[in-house]
Structure formats: structure tokens, C-alpha cells
Amino acid sequence: MALDAKLRIQEARKQRYANFDKKRKVMLEELEEAERADREAKSTEAKKKQRYAQEAEQIRGAGRRMVEERQAELRRQQEETERAEKAAQEELEPPPLGAYLSLCCRRLSTQSLIPLLPHTRTLPQANTIRSSDSSTPWPNTPN
């Protein structure tokens, strides 16, 4: 009988260890499954953060481009306005005297009036006043 009791105790012990092994295996599988799920969640979260960062960078880049385009457009409009103002100002200003004189010289040379230009005419003397005609305000002026 003692042998039967010893065998029954050994069998019960094997059964208990088998049950413990099953529980341990189940717990180990649950732990591994939880770790796998956690890794997947972290991976998914990391991918989501990376995607969010890429979208944010794209948005910032698009915003930068929009600002640069707007600034370029404003610069272009300002340059256009300045050119228009300059053209209007140049239109209002009289032409330079040298250009006018050269134009007149070309026109007058065809009419042989070149002696009337200032560099061809003699200037009057400052102290020459005719005593007979003192009523004229200019010296050497013909009557």
C-alpha cells in the first residue's frame, strides 16, 4: 500500500506540475501577446507621429512658399508702381536743354539760322551806353 500511495502521490505531483506548466504556458503566451500588441501600438504611434511631422513640415513649406510668392508679388507690384510713377514724372519734366538745343540746331541749320545761337553771337559790352539814346534799358540795342 505504501507503494500505491507513493505512486498516487507521484501521479498527483505530475498532474499538478502539468497543470502549472499549462498555466505557465498560457500566462507566457498572454505576456508575449501583450508585448507584441504593445510593440505594434508603439510602432503605430511612431508611424502616426512621423506622418504628423511630415504633414506639419509640408504645411510649413507650403506656408513659406506662399509667403515668398506673396512677397515677390508685392515687390513686383511695387516696382511696377515705381516704374509708372517714374514714367509719369519723366513725362511731366521738360526735356533737358542740351537735347532741345541739339534738336533746334538741326531744325535751324536747315533754315540757316545758326548765327542766332548763343555761342555764335557776340555779347554786348557791359559799360557801353549810347548817350543819345539813354531811354533804352539795354546797351547796344538797335532802334
Protein backbone atom coordinates (compact mmCIF):
# COMPACT_ATOMS: atom_id res chain seq x y z
CA MET A 1 0.00 0.00 0.00
CA ALA A 2 2.69 2.37 0.67
CA LEU A 3 3.87 1.81 -2.85
CA ASP A 4 0.43 2.57 -4.23
CA ALA A 5 0.25 5.73 -2.09
CA LYS A 6 3.70 6.76 -3.24
CA LEU A 7 2.71 6.20 -6.89
CA ARG A 8 -0.53 8.14 -6.39
CA ILE A 9 1.41 11.00 -4.81
CA GLN A 10 3.88 10.99 -7.74
CA GLU A 11 0.99 10.91 -10.22
CA ALA A 12 -0.75 13.76 -8.39
CA ARG A 13 2.52 15.70 -8.38
CA LYS A 14 2.92 15.12 -12.17
CA GLN A 15 -0.65 16.23 -12.70
CA ARG A 16 -0.10 19.33 -10.57
CA TYR A 17 3.12 20.19 -12.43
CA ALA A 18 1.37 19.59 -15.74
CA ASN A 19 -1.41 21.96 -14.65
CA PHE A 20 1.20 24.51 -13.51
CA ASP A 21 3.04 24.10 -16.83
CA LYS A 22 -0.23 24.69 -18.72
CA LYS A 23 -0.97 27.79 -16.63
CA ARG A 24 2.60 29.00 -17.06
CA LYS A 25 2.45 28.43 -20.82
CA VAL A 26 -0.88 30.25 -21.05
CA MET A 27 0.47 33.14 -18.95
CA LEU A 28 3.67 33.21 -21.04
CA GLU A 29 1.63 33.29 -24.28
CA GLU A 30 -0.57 36.07 -22.85
CA LEU A 31 2.54 38.02 -21.83
CA GLU A 32 4.11 37.58 -25.26
CA GLU A 33 0.84 38.58 -26.91
CA ALA A 34 0.61 41.69 -24.71
CA GLU A 35 4.23 42.59 -25.52
CA ARG A 36 3.59 42.09 -29.25
CA ALA A 37 0.46 44.26 -29.05
CA ASP A 38 2.41 46.91 -27.15
CA ARG A 39 5.21 46.90 -29.76
CA GLU A 40 2.62 47.20 -32.54
CA ALA A 41 0.89 50.05 -30.72
CA LYS A 42 4.20 51.83 -30.23
CA SER A 43 5.10 51.23 -33.86
CA THR A 44 1.72 52.52 -35.00
CA GLU A 45 2.06 55.54 -32.72
CA ALA A 46 5.58 56.23 -34.01
CA LYS A 47 4.33 55.97 -37.61
CA LYS A 48 1.47 58.31 -36.77
CA LYS A 49 3.87 60.83 -35.20
CA GLN A 50 6.18 60.58 -38.20
CA ARG A 51 3.26 61.11 -40.59
CA TYR A 52 2.08 64.05 -38.50
CA ALA A 53 5.59 65.56 -38.53
CA GLN A 54 5.79 65.13 -42.32
CA GLU A 55 2.39 66.77 -42.79
CA ALA A 56 3.39 69.62 -40.49
CA GLU A 57 6.62 70.10 -42.46
CA GLN A 58 4.69 70.08 -45.74
CA ILE A 59 2.29 72.66 -44.35
CA ARG A 60 5.17 74.84 -43.13
CA GLY A 61 6.87 74.52 -46.52
CA ALA A 62 3.66 75.45 -48.32
CA GLY A 63 3.22 78.41 -45.98
CA ARG A 64 6.79 79.54 -46.63
CA ARG A 65 6.26 79.27 -50.37
CA MET A 66 3.02 81.22 -50.13
CA VAL A 67 4.72 83.97 -48.11
CA GLU A 68 7.64 84.11 -50.58
CA GLU A 69 5.25 84.23 -53.54
CA ARG A 70 3.21 86.98 -51.88
CA GLN A 71 6.36 88.98 -51.11
CA ALA A 72 7.58 88.55 -54.69
CA GLU A 73 4.18 89.69 -55.97
CA LEU A 74 4.25 92.72 -53.68
CA ARG A 75 7.81 93.55 -54.80
CA ARG A 76 6.75 93.21 -58.44
CA GLN A 77 3.72 95.46 -57.86
CA GLN A 78 5.89 98.00 -56.03
CA GLU A 79 8.44 98.00 -58.87
CA GLU A 80 5.62 98.42 -61.39
CA THR A 81 4.22 101.32 -59.40
CA GLU A 82 7.66 102.91 -59.13
CA ARG A 83 8.21 102.49 -62.88
CA ALA A 84 4.80 104.03 -63.60
CA GLU A 85 5.50 106.94 -61.23
CA LYS A 86 8.93 107.46 -62.79
CA ALA A 87 7.45 107.40 -66.29
CA ALA A 88 4.75 109.89 -65.24
CA GLN A 89 7.38 112.11 -63.62
CA GLU A 90 9.61 111.95 -66.70
CA GLU A 91 6.63 112.80 -68.86
CA LEU A 92 5.92 115.89 -66.76
CA GLU A 93 9.52 117.09 -66.72
CA PRO A 94 10.70 119.19 -69.64
CA PRO A 95 13.36 117.64 -71.83
CA PRO A 96 16.96 118.53 -70.99
CA LEU A 97 18.13 121.78 -72.53
CA GLY A 98 21.02 120.20 -74.42
CA ALA A 99 18.68 117.76 -76.20
CA TYR A 100 16.30 120.61 -77.01
CA LEU A 101 19.13 122.78 -78.36
CA SER A 102 20.54 119.97 -80.47
CA LEU A 103 17.06 119.39 -81.87
CA CYS A 104 16.68 123.12 -82.53
CA CYS A 105 20.13 123.26 -84.12
CA ARG A 106 19.19 120.52 -86.53
CA ARG A 107 15.98 122.30 -87.43
CA LEU A 108 17.56 125.73 -87.60
CA SER A 109 20.56 124.60 -89.62
CA THR A 110 18.21 123.73 -92.43
CA GLN A 111 16.81 127.24 -92.23
CA SER A 112 20.27 128.84 -91.92
CA LEU A 113 19.55 130.49 -88.59
CA ILE A 114 22.66 129.23 -86.84
CA PRO A 115 24.03 132.76 -86.19
CA LEU A 116 21.24 133.19 -83.63
CA LEU A 117 22.67 130.57 -81.31
CA PRO A 118 24.41 131.94 -78.19
CA HIS A 119 27.86 130.63 -79.00
CA THR A 120 27.97 132.38 -82.39
CA ARG A 121 26.75 135.79 -81.32
CA THR A 122 28.91 138.45 -79.68
CA LEU A 123 27.95 139.52 -76.23
CA PRO A 124 27.34 143.23 -75.59
CA GLN A 125 29.83 145.22 -73.60
CA ALA A 126 28.69 146.00 -70.09
CA ASN A 127 29.64 149.70 -69.93
CA THR A 128 28.58 150.80 -73.39
CA ILE A 129 25.54 153.05 -73.29
CA ARG A 130 24.74 155.46 -76.04
CA SER A 131 24.37 158.95 -74.72
CA SER A 132 21.90 159.87 -77.45
CA ASP A 133 19.50 157.07 -76.51
CA SER A 134 19.56 156.75 -72.76
CA SER A 135 15.92 155.78 -72.55
CA THR A 136 16.64 152.19 -73.73
CA PRO A 137 17.24 149.85 -70.86
CA TRP A 138 19.66 147.58 -72.80
CA PRO A 139 23.06 148.52 -74.13
CA ASN A 140 23.75 148.23 -77.85
CA THR A 141 20.17 147.50 -78.77
CA PRO A 142 19.07 148.63 -82.21
CA ASN A 143 16.21 151.16 -82.55
